[in-house]
C-alpha cells in the first residue's frame, strides 16, 4: 500500500481513533478530580432557556458536569471539530454543527429555536478561533433572539496543565481539585439597541473574567 493511501486512511480514521483516546483520558480525569460547584444549585429548577458560558480553554470539567443531561452545544465543521463532536457525543451532549466560518447562520437559528423551547446550551463565547477571553457577538444574538439567560461560569483546577494552544487549554491533573463558579444570569432585551447589547456584552465579559479569577483564587493558583 502506498504512503499516500495510508495517509488518506489515517486522515479518515483519525477523528474516530483519537476521539476514543481523548474521551478515555478525559473520563479518567473527571472521575478522579474533586470538583466543587458554587452557585449551580439555583439553576436546577430554573425555567426557560439558559446558556452556560465558559471560556474555550476550560471545557473539560463542564463536559463532565453536563454529561448525559441532554445539554446542547455548537461545534465547528473543521477537522478538529469532527473529533470534538465525537467526544462530546460520547459525553451525552446534543450537537449542532456550525461556526463563524461554515454553517454559522444555520447553527444560530437552530440554537435560538432550542432555547425558545426552554433548552439548555453550553457555549464557549470566545470560540472556535478566539481571541481568547473575548465574548463574541454570536452568543449575544442567541440570547437576544431567544430571551434565554446568559450564565457566566469561572473554572479552575490545581494542579493543572495548560496546553500550548491559542486558548491555553486547561487539563486538570488526576486526583487534584477543581471548581466551577456560576454567576448571576444576565439577559439581553429583545428590543435592545446595538449600543445596549454592547453594554451587556462588555459586562458579561468582565463577569466571566471576574469569576475565573475567583475560581483561581479558590484553588490557590492566585493570591
C-alpha atoms as a PDB file:
ATOM      1  CA  UNK A   1       0.000   0.000   0.000  1.00  0.00           C
ATOM      2  CA  UNK A   2       1.382   3.430  -0.962  1.00  0.00           C
ATOM      3  CA  UNK A   3       2.184   6.114   1.589  1.00  0.00           C
ATOM      4  CA  UNK A   4      -0.466   8.371   0.082  1.00  0.00           C
ATOM      5  CA  UNK A   5      -3.172   5.743   0.578  1.00  0.00           C
ATOM      6  CA  UNK A   6      -2.021   5.180   4.160  1.00  0.00           C
ATOM      7  CA  UNK A   7      -2.183   8.919   4.825  1.00  0.00           C
ATOM      8  CA  UNK A   8      -5.701   9.128   3.384  1.00  0.00           C
ATOM      9  CA  UNK A   9      -6.853   6.206   5.517  1.00  0.00           C
ATOM     10  CA  UNK A  10      -5.340   7.767   8.625  1.00  0.00           C
ATOM     11  CA  UNK A  11      -6.986  11.117   7.922  1.00  0.00           C
ATOM     12  CA  UNK A  12     -10.328   9.338   7.620  1.00  0.00           C
ATOM     13  CA  UNK A  13      -9.805   7.248  10.762  1.00  0.00           C
ATOM     14  CA  UNK A  14      -8.098   9.943  12.849  1.00  0.00           C
ATOM     15  CA  UNK A  15     -11.242  11.577  14.349  1.00  0.00           C
ATOM     16  CA  UNK A  16     -12.610   8.172  15.370  1.00  0.00           C
ATOM     17  CA  UNK A  17      -9.377   6.808  16.864  1.00  0.00           C
ATOM     18  CA  UNK A  18      -8.270   9.977  18.647  1.00  0.00           C
ATOM     19  CA  UNK A  19     -11.755  10.745  19.963  1.00  0.00           C
ATOM     20  CA  UNK A  20     -11.801   7.391  21.763  1.00  0.00           C
ATOM     21  CA  UNK A  21      -8.375   8.030  23.274  1.00  0.00           C
ATOM     22  CA  UNK A  22      -9.164  11.596  24.348  1.00  0.00           C
ATOM     23  CA  UNK A  23     -12.545  10.586  25.751  1.00  0.00           C
ATOM     24  CA  UNK A  24     -10.927   7.845  27.830  1.00  0.00           C
ATOM     25  CA  UNK A  25      -8.363  10.238  29.284  1.00  0.00           C
ATOM     26  CA  UNK A  26     -10.995  12.916  29.910  1.00  0.00           C
ATOM     27  CA  UNK A  27     -13.286  10.458  31.695  1.00  0.00           C
ATOM     28  CA  UNK A  28     -10.437   9.278  33.909  1.00  0.00           C
ATOM     29  CA  UNK A  29      -9.600  12.879  34.833  1.00  0.00           C
ATOM     30  CA  UNK A  30     -13.252  13.659  35.524  1.00  0.00           C
ATOM     31  CA  UNK A  31     -13.669  10.624  37.773  1.00  0.00           C
ATOM     32  CA  UNK A  32     -10.591  11.380  39.862  1.00  0.00           C
ATOM     33  CA  UNK A  33     -10.685  15.183  40.213  1.00  0.00           C
ATOM     34  CA  UNK A  34     -12.539  16.542  43.258  1.00  0.00           C
ATOM     35  CA  UNK A  35     -14.901  19.073  41.697  1.00  0.00           C
ATOM     36  CA  UNK A  36     -16.644  21.744  43.781  1.00  0.00           C
ATOM     37  CA  UNK A  37     -19.668  23.567  42.384  1.00  0.00           C
ATOM     38  CA  UNK A  38     -20.501  27.078  43.588  1.00  0.00           C
ATOM     39  CA  UNK A  39     -23.868  28.629  42.734  1.00  0.00           C
ATOM     40  CA  UNK A  40     -25.038  25.784  40.483  1.00  0.00           C
ATOM     41  CA  UNK A  41     -27.960  24.561  42.591  1.00  0.00           C
ATOM     42  CA  UNK A  42     -30.123  27.590  41.881  1.00  0.00           C
ATOM     43  CA  UNK A  43     -30.243  26.712  38.182  1.00  0.00           C
ATOM     44  CA  UNK A  44     -31.624  23.188  38.675  1.00  0.00           C
ATOM     45  CA  UNK A  45     -35.274  24.278  38.691  1.00  0.00           C
ATOM     46  CA  UNK A  46     -34.835  27.399  36.574  1.00  0.00           C
ATOM     47  CA  UNK A  47     -37.445  27.780  33.847  1.00  0.00           C
ATOM     48  CA  UNK A  48     -36.739  28.980  30.323  1.00  0.00           C
ATOM     49  CA  UNK A  49     -33.736  28.680  28.078  1.00  0.00           C
ATOM     50  CA  UNK A  50     -30.254  29.167  29.503  1.00  0.00           C
ATOM     51  CA  UNK A  51     -26.755  29.392  28.094  1.00  0.00           C
ATOM     52  CA  UNK A  52     -23.928  28.293  30.400  1.00  0.00           C
ATOM     53  CA  UNK A  53     -20.863  30.130  29.114  1.00  0.00           C
ATOM     54  CA  UNK A  54     -17.247  29.255  29.876  1.00  0.00           C
ATOM     55  CA  UNK A  55     -14.053  30.100  28.042  1.00  0.00           C
ATOM     56  CA  UNK A  56     -12.979  27.825  25.188  1.00  0.00           C
ATOM     57  CA  UNK A  57      -9.887  26.638  27.037  1.00  0.00           C
ATOM     58  CA  UNK A  58     -11.822  25.368  30.084  1.00  0.00           C
ATOM     59  CA  UNK A  59     -14.418  22.947  28.755  1.00  0.00           C
ATOM     60  CA  UNK A  60     -13.212  19.634  30.148  1.00  0.00           C
ATOM     61  CA  UNK A  61     -14.832  19.962  33.565  1.00  0.00           C
ATOM     62  CA  UNK A  62     -18.067  21.250  32.065  1.00  0.00           C
ATOM     63  CA  UNK A  63     -18.195  18.178  29.827  1.00  0.00           C
ATOM     64  CA  UNK A  64     -18.266  16.029  32.958  1.00  0.00           C
ATOM     65  CA  UNK A  65     -20.757  18.185  34.843  1.00  0.00           C
ATOM     66  CA  UNK A  66     -23.295  18.137  32.000  1.00  0.00           C
ATOM     67  CA  UNK A  67     -22.611  14.525  30.979  1.00  0.00           C
ATOM     68  CA  UNK A  68     -25.770  12.730  29.902  1.00  0.00           C
ATOM     69  CA  UNK A  69     -28.082  15.669  30.721  1.00  0.00           C
ATOM     70  CA  UNK A  70     -29.204  16.435  27.186  1.00  0.00           C
ATOM     71  CA  UNK A  71     -27.350  19.747  27.029  1.00  0.00           C
ATOM     72  CA  UNK A  72     -26.790  21.236  23.568  1.00  0.00           C
ATOM     73  CA  UNK A  73     -23.533  22.659  22.245  1.00  0.00           C
ATOM     74  CA  UNK A  74     -22.221  24.045  18.955  1.00  0.00           C
ATOM     75  CA  UNK A  75     -19.117  22.503  17.383  1.00  0.00           C
ATOM     76  CA  UNK A  76     -17.422  23.699  14.214  1.00  0.00           C
ATOM     77  CA  UNK A  77     -17.250  21.865  10.885  1.00  0.00           C
ATOM     78  CA  UNK A  78     -13.438  21.817  10.975  1.00  0.00           C
ATOM     79  CA  UNK A  79     -11.370  18.628  11.052  1.00  0.00           C
ATOM     80  CA  UNK A  80     -10.693  19.156  14.756  1.00  0.00           C
ATOM     81  CA  UNK A  81     -14.395  19.853  15.195  1.00  0.00           C
ATOM     82  CA  UNK A  82     -15.199  16.391  13.882  1.00  0.00           C
ATOM     83  CA  UNK A  83     -13.144  14.847  16.667  1.00  0.00           C
ATOM     84  CA  UNK A  84     -14.646  17.200  19.276  1.00  0.00           C
ATOM     85  CA  UNK A  85     -18.162  16.319  18.111  1.00  0.00           C
ATOM     86  CA  UNK A  86     -17.471  12.622  18.622  1.00  0.00           C
ATOM     87  CA  UNK A  87     -16.072  13.265  22.096  1.00  0.00           C
ATOM     88  CA  UNK A  88     -18.990  15.419  23.229  1.00  0.00           C
ATOM     89  CA  UNK A  89     -21.495  12.969  21.770  1.00  0.00           C
ATOM     90  CA  UNK A  90     -19.937  10.271  23.945  1.00  0.00           C
ATOM     91  CA  UNK A  91     -20.402  12.587  26.914  1.00  0.00           C
ATOM     92  CA  UNK A  92     -24.103  12.682  26.049  1.00  0.00           C
ATOM     93  CA  UNK A  93     -24.300  16.179  24.573  1.00  0.00           C
ATOM     94  CA  UNK A  94     -26.623  17.049  21.718  1.00  0.00           C
ATOM     95  CA  UNK A  95     -24.597  18.577  18.901  1.00  0.00           C
ATOM     96  CA  UNK A  96     -25.252  21.432  16.493  1.00  0.00           C
ATOM     97  CA  UNK A  97     -22.579  21.740  13.828  1.00  0.00           C
ATOM     98  CA  UNK A  98     -21.526  25.212  12.702  1.00  0.00           C
ATOM     99  CA  UNK A  99     -19.107  28.064  13.323  1.00  0.00           C
ATOM    100  CA  UNK A 100     -18.355  31.621  12.301  1.00  0.00           C
ATOM    101  CA  UNK A 101     -16.824  30.270   9.091  1.00  0.00           C
ATOM    102  CA  UNK A 102     -19.192  27.487   7.995  1.00  0.00           C
ATOM    103  CA  UNK A 103     -22.803  26.859   8.889  1.00  0.00           C
ATOM    104  CA  UNK A 104     -22.914  29.707  11.384  1.00  0.00           C
ATOM    105  CA  UNK A 105     -26.321  31.074  10.413  1.00  0.00           C
ATOM    106  CA  UNK A 106     -27.969  27.654  10.445  1.00  0.00           C
ATOM    107  CA  UNK A 107     -26.382  26.840  13.811  1.00  0.00           C
ATOM    108  CA  UNK A 108     -27.578  30.137  15.302  1.00  0.00           C
ATOM    109  CA  UNK A 109     -31.142  29.616  14.035  1.00  0.00           C
ATOM    110  CA  UNK A 110     -31.227  26.092  15.420  1.00  0.00           C
ATOM    111  CA  UNK A 111     -29.817  27.241  18.771  1.00  0.00           C
ATOM    112  CA  UNK A 112     -32.415  30.015  19.094  1.00  0.00           C
ATOM    113  CA  UNK A 113     -35.204  27.530  18.352  1.00  0.00           C
ATOM    114  CA  UNK A 114     -33.945  25.163  21.068  1.00  0.00           C
ATOM    115  CA  UNK A 115     -33.518  27.932  23.628  1.00  0.00           C
ATOM    116  CA  UNK A 116     -37.028  29.288  22.978  1.00  0.00           C
ATOM    117  CA  UNK A 117     -38.322  25.834  23.891  1.00  0.00           C
ATOM    118  CA  UNK A 118     -36.506  26.026  27.232  1.00  0.00           C
ATOM    119  CA  UNK A 119     -33.413  24.082  26.225  1.00  0.00           C
ATOM    120  CA  UNK A 120     -30.006  24.330  27.887  1.00  0.00           C
ATOM    121  CA  UNK A 121     -26.803  25.100  25.995  1.00  0.00           C
ATOM    122  CA  UNK A 122     -23.142  25.035  26.941  1.00  0.00           C
ATOM    123  CA  UNK A 123     -21.279  27.628  24.899  1.00  0.00           C
ATOM    124  CA  UNK A 124     -17.757  28.998  24.537  1.00  0.00           C
ATOM    125  CA  UNK A 125     -18.228  32.682  23.653  1.00  0.00           C
ATOM    126  CA  UNK A 126     -14.605  33.125  22.560  1.00  0.00           C
ATOM    127  CA  UNK A 127     -14.532  30.084  20.265  1.00  0.00           C
ATOM    128  CA  UNK A 128     -13.778  28.466  17.989  1.00  0.00           C
ATOM    129  CA  UNK A 129     -10.753  30.550  16.993  1.00  0.00           C
ATOM    130  CA  UNK A 130     -10.531  33.343  19.548  1.00  0.00           C
ATOM    131  CA  UNK A 131      -9.262  35.779  20.527  1.00  0.00           C
ATOM    132  CA  UNK A 132      -9.195  34.062  23.880  1.00  0.00           C
ATOM    133  CA  UNK A 133     -11.213  35.681  26.646  1.00  0.00           C
ATOM    134  CA  UNK A 134     -13.286  37.907  24.353  1.00  0.00           C
ATOM    135  CA  UNK A 135     -17.064  37.442  24.170  1.00  0.00           C
ATOM    136  CA  UNK A 136     -18.049  37.418  20.511  1.00  0.00           C
ATOM    137  CA  UNK A 137     -21.345  38.577  19.031  1.00  0.00           C
ATOM    138  CA  UNK A 138     -22.834  35.131  18.352  1.00  0.00           C
ATOM    139  CA  UNK A 139     -23.856  34.400  21.922  1.00  0.00           C
ATOM    140  CA  UNK A 140     -25.410  37.864  22.232  1.00  0.00           C
ATOM    141  CA  UNK A 141     -27.588  37.281  19.149  1.00  0.00           C
ATOM    142  CA  UNK A 142     -28.710  33.924  20.537  1.00  0.00           C
ATOM    143  CA  UNK A 143     -29.615  35.454  23.912  1.00  0.00           C
ATOM    144  CA  UNK A 144     -31.428  38.438  22.397  1.00  0.00           C
ATOM    145  CA  UNK A 145     -33.472  36.443  19.867  1.00  0.00           C
ATOM    146  CA  UNK A 146     -34.387  33.650  22.303  1.00  0.00           C
ATOM    147  CA  UNK A 147     -34.764  35.506  25.600  1.00  0.00           C
ATOM    148  CA  UNK A 148     -32.504  32.915  27.244  1.00  0.00           C
ATOM    149  CA  UNK A 149     -30.449  33.630  30.350  1.00  0.00           C
ATOM    150  CA  UNK A 150     -26.709  34.127  29.946  1.00  0.00           C
ATOM    151  CA  UNK A 151     -24.930  32.341  32.800  1.00  0.00           C
ATOM    152  CA  UNK A 152     -21.200  33.138  33.224  1.00  0.00           C
ATOM    153  CA  UNK A 153     -19.015  30.348  34.598  1.00  0.00           C
ATOM    154  CA  UNK A 154     -15.487  30.513  36.049  1.00  0.00           C
ATOM    155  CA  UNK A 155     -13.374  27.345  36.039  1.00  0.00           C
ATOM    156  CA  UNK A 156     -10.047  26.488  37.672  1.00  0.00           C
ATOM    157  CA  UNK A 157      -8.070  23.438  38.778  1.00  0.00           C
ATOM    158  CA  UNK A 158      -4.979  22.665  40.796  1.00  0.00           C
ATOM    159  CA  UNK A 159      -2.656  21.136  39.848  1.00  0.00           C
ATOM    160  CA  UNK A 160      -3.240  21.528  36.141  1.00  0.00           C
ATOM    161  CA  UNK A 161      -1.531  21.693  32.758  1.00  0.00           C
ATOM    162  CA  UNK A 162      -2.085  24.420  30.160  1.00  0.00           C
ATOM    163  CA  UNK A 163      -1.604  23.216  26.594  1.00  0.00           C
ATOM    164  CA  UNK A 164       0.435  25.419  24.209  1.00  0.00           C
ATOM    165  CA  UNK A 165      -2.655  26.340  22.174  1.00  0.00           C
ATOM    166  CA  UNK A 166      -4.339  29.686  21.429  1.00  0.00           C
ATOM    167  CA  UNK A 167      -6.757  29.120  24.308  1.00  0.00           C
ATOM    168  CA  UNK A 168      -4.173  27.627  26.731  1.00  0.00           C
ATOM    169  CA  UNK A 169      -6.450  24.643  27.167  1.00  0.00           C
ATOM    170  CA  UNK A 170      -6.692  23.645  30.820  1.00  0.00           C
ATOM    171  CA  UNK A 171      -6.172  19.978  31.691  1.00  0.00           C
ATOM    172  CA  UNK A 172      -6.669  19.149  35.385  1.00  0.00           C
ATOM    173  CA  UNK A 173      -4.172  16.690  36.814  1.00  0.00           C
ATOM    174  CA  UNK A 174      -5.831  13.475  38.062  1.00  0.00           C
ATOM    175  CA  UNK A 175      -6.622  13.351  41.792  1.00  0.00           C
ATOM    176  CA  UNK A 176      -6.316  17.139  42.083  1.00  0.00           C
ATOM    177  CA  UNK A 177      -9.100  19.555  42.896  1.00  0.00           C
ATOM    178  CA  UNK A 178     -11.188  21.844  40.746  1.00  0.00           C
ATOM    179  CA  UNK A 179     -14.006  24.357  40.996  1.00  0.00           C
ATOM    180  CA  UNK A 180     -16.745  25.779  38.801  1.00  0.00           C
ATOM    181  CA  UNK A 181     -18.265  29.087  39.939  1.00  0.00           C
ATOM    182  CA  UNK A 182     -21.643  30.047  38.441  1.00  0.00           C
ATOM    183  CA  UNK A 183     -22.543  33.737  38.330  1.00  0.00           C
ATOM    184  CA  UNK A 184     -25.858  35.569  38.241  1.00  0.00           C
ATOM    185  CA  UNK A 185     -27.802  35.251  34.976  1.00  0.00           C
ATOM    186  CA  UNK A 186     -27.859  38.176  32.564  1.00  0.00           C
ATOM    187  CA  UNK A 187     -30.411  38.946  29.862  1.00  0.00           C
ATOM    188  CA  UNK A 188     -30.482  40.841  26.577  1.00  0.00           C
ATOM    189  CA  UNK A 189     -33.802  42.565  25.928  1.00  0.00           C
ATOM    190  CA  UNK A 190     -35.434  41.599  22.645  1.00  0.00           C
ATOM    191  CA  UNK A 191     -35.726  45.255  21.556  1.00  0.00           C
ATOM    192  CA  UNK A 192     -32.284  46.308  22.838  1.00  0.00           C
ATOM    193  CA  UNK A 193     -30.340  48.680  20.619  1.00  0.00           C
ATOM    194  CA  UNK A 194     -26.864  47.737  19.345  1.00  0.00           C
ATOM    195  CA  UNK A 195     -25.371  50.048  21.972  1.00  0.00           C
ATOM    196  CA  UNK A 196     -27.378  48.359  24.741  1.00  0.00           C
ATOM    197  CA  UNK A 197     -26.350  44.920  23.510  1.00  0.00           C
ATOM    198  CA  UNK A 198     -22.711  46.003  23.567  1.00  0.00           C
ATOM    199  CA  UNK A 199     -23.115  47.227  27.152  1.00  0.00           C
ATOM    200  CA  UNK A 200     -24.389  43.790  28.199  1.00  0.00           C
ATOM    201  CA  UNK A 201     -21.639  42.052  26.205  1.00  0.00           C
ATOM    202  CA  UNK A 202     -18.903  44.002  27.979  1.00  0.00           C
ATOM    203  CA  UNK A 203     -20.497  43.453  31.388  1.00  0.00           C
ATOM    204  CA  UNK A 204     -20.806  39.722  30.684  1.00  0.00           C
ATOM    205  CA  UNK A 205     -17.176  39.519  29.538  1.00  0.00           C
ATOM    206  CA  UNK A 206     -15.980  41.289  32.689  1.00  0.00           C
ATOM    207  CA  UNK A 207     -18.040  38.962  34.861  1.00  0.00           C
ATOM    208  CA  UNK A 208     -16.595  35.878  33.176  1.00  0.00           C
ATOM    209  CA  UNK A 209     -13.072  37.125  33.888  1.00  0.00           C
ATOM    210  CA  UNK A 210     -14.015  38.005  37.465  1.00  0.00           C
ATOM    211  CA  UNK A 211     -15.418  34.525  38.066  1.00  0.00           C
ATOM    212  CA  UNK A 212     -12.313  32.952  36.574  1.00  0.00           C
ATOM    213  CA  UNK A 213     -10.160  34.997  38.971  1.00  0.00           C
ATOM    214  CA  UNK A 214     -12.426  33.933  41.850  1.00  0.00           C
ATOM    215  CA  UNK A 215     -12.094  30.284  40.846  1.00  0.00           C
ATOM    216  CA  UNK A 216      -8.307  30.550  40.531  1.00  0.00           C
ATOM    217  CA  UNK A 217      -8.052  32.087  43.983  1.00  0.00           C
ATOM    218  CA  UNK A 218     -10.321  29.409  45.446  1.00  0.00           C
ATOM    219  CA  UNK A 219      -7.949  26.610  44.404  1.00  0.00           C
ATOM    220  CA  UNK A 220      -4.859  28.584  45.422  1.00  0.00           C
ATOM    221  CA  UNK A 221      -3.490  29.439  41.978  1.00  0.00           C
ATOM    222  CA  UNK A 222      -3.638  33.191  42.654  1.00  0.00           C
ATOM    223  CA  UNK A 223      -3.217  35.245  45.836  1.00  0.00           C
END
